[in-house]
Amino acid sequence: MKAPKFLYLISVIFIIIITTPSHTSYKMSSCEFYSTTWHGRCRWPPRCSDKCKKEENAQGGQCLHGNAYAITVTTINFMQNDQILSE
C-alpha cells in the first residue's frame, strides 16, 4: 500500500520540476512565404524544395494546393524570463 503512494508523490514532484520555467527560454519561429523563384503550378515537391534552398536561401520548399512555398526558420533566440514577460 505504501509503494503506490510513494510512486504517486515522486510522479507529482517530477511533473512540478518539469513544468517549472527555467531561467532561459527558447523562442523559435518559422516563416512560410510564396516562392519568388517558382512560377506556375508546383507539381513536384523535391524540385521545388531544391530550388527554394538554392535560390532563396530557404531551409526548404513545399507544394501546398499547387502553390510553391519557401520555408525559412529564424535562428533560435535565447531570452531571459524578464525579457519574455516584457514582450
Protein backbone atom coordinates (compact mmCIF):
# COMPACT_ATOMS: atom_id res chain seq x y z
CA MET A 1 0.00 0.00 0.00
CA LYS A 2 2.82 2.43 0.70
CA ALA A 3 4.56 1.84 -2.63
CA PRO A 4 1.74 3.33 -4.79
CA LYS A 5 1.58 6.45 -2.58
CA PHE A 6 5.34 6.86 -2.82
CA LEU A 7 5.29 6.50 -6.62
CA TYR A 8 2.42 9.00 -6.83
CA LEU A 9 4.38 11.51 -4.73
CA ILE A 10 7.50 11.06 -6.85
CA SER A 11 5.42 11.49 -10.04
CA VAL A 12 3.87 14.73 -8.76
CA ILE A 13 7.28 16.14 -7.79
CA PHE A 14 8.71 15.18 -11.18
CA ILE A 15 5.85 16.92 -13.03
CA ILE A 16 6.30 20.07 -10.93
CA ILE A 17 10.03 20.16 -11.68
CA ILE A 18 9.48 19.62 -15.41
CA THR A 19 6.80 22.31 -15.73
CA THR A 20 8.67 24.96 -13.73
CA PRO A 21 10.12 27.53 -16.15
CA SER A 22 13.87 27.71 -16.37
CA HIS A 23 15.95 30.87 -16.43
CA THR A 24 16.41 30.66 -20.16
CA SER A 25 13.55 30.19 -22.57
CA TYR A 26 13.74 29.38 -26.23
CA LYS A 27 11.84 31.14 -28.95
CA MET A 28 11.83 29.74 -32.45
CA SER A 29 9.62 30.85 -35.26
CA SER A 30 9.17 29.74 -38.81
CA CYS A 31 8.02 31.67 -41.80
CA GLU A 32 6.28 30.37 -44.90
CA PHE A 33 6.00 32.65 -47.91
CA TYR A 34 5.22 32.31 -51.58
CA SER A 35 8.28 31.32 -53.53
CA THR A 36 9.68 34.18 -55.57
CA THR A 37 11.64 31.92 -57.94
CA TRP A 38 9.00 29.29 -58.66
CA HIS A 39 6.39 30.40 -61.17
CA GLY A 40 3.34 28.40 -62.19
CA ARG A 41 1.88 25.35 -60.51
CA CYS A 42 4.05 23.33 -58.16
CA ARG A 43 3.71 19.67 -59.10
CA TRP A 44 6.99 18.13 -57.96
CA PRO A 45 7.90 18.93 -54.30
CA PRO A 46 11.57 17.76 -54.38
CA ARG A 47 12.40 20.12 -57.25
CA CYS A 48 10.54 22.97 -55.57
CA SER A 49 12.44 22.36 -52.33
CA ASP A 50 15.81 22.25 -54.11
CA LYS A 51 15.11 25.48 -55.99
CA CYS A 52 13.99 27.28 -52.80
CA LYS A 53 17.13 26.13 -50.99
CA LYS A 54 19.48 27.22 -53.77
CA GLU A 55 17.90 30.45 -54.98
CA GLU A 56 16.01 31.82 -51.97
CA ASN A 57 18.36 30.74 -49.17
CA ALA A 58 15.48 28.87 -47.53
CA GLN A 59 15.65 25.74 -45.39
CA GLY A 60 13.21 24.03 -47.73
CA GLY A 61 10.29 24.34 -50.07
CA GLN A 62 6.86 22.83 -50.10
CA CYS A 63 3.96 22.47 -52.52
CA LEU A 64 0.62 23.28 -50.93
CA HIS A 65 -2.56 23.28 -53.00
CA GLY A 66 -0.49 23.60 -56.17
CA ASN A 67 1.41 26.68 -54.99
CA ALA A 68 5.10 26.76 -54.08
CA TYR A 69 6.10 27.98 -50.64
CA ALA A 70 9.62 28.63 -49.39
CA ILE A 71 10.13 27.80 -45.72
CA THR A 72 12.67 29.53 -43.52
CA VAL A 73 13.27 29.10 -39.82
CA THR A 74 14.66 32.02 -37.90
CA THR A 75 17.53 31.47 -35.54
CA ILE A 76 16.75 30.45 -32.00
CA ASN A 77 16.76 33.40 -29.64
CA PHE A 78 17.84 32.82 -26.07
CA MET A 79 16.00 35.21 -23.81
CA GLN A 80 15.71 35.63 -20.09
CA ASN A 81 12.29 35.26 -18.46
CA ASP A 82 12.00 39.00 -17.73
CA GLN A 83 12.54 39.78 -21.44
CA ILE A 84 9.78 37.37 -22.42
CA LEU A 85 7.36 38.89 -19.94
CA SER A 86 8.04 42.40 -21.21
CA GLU A 87 7.10 41.50 -24.80
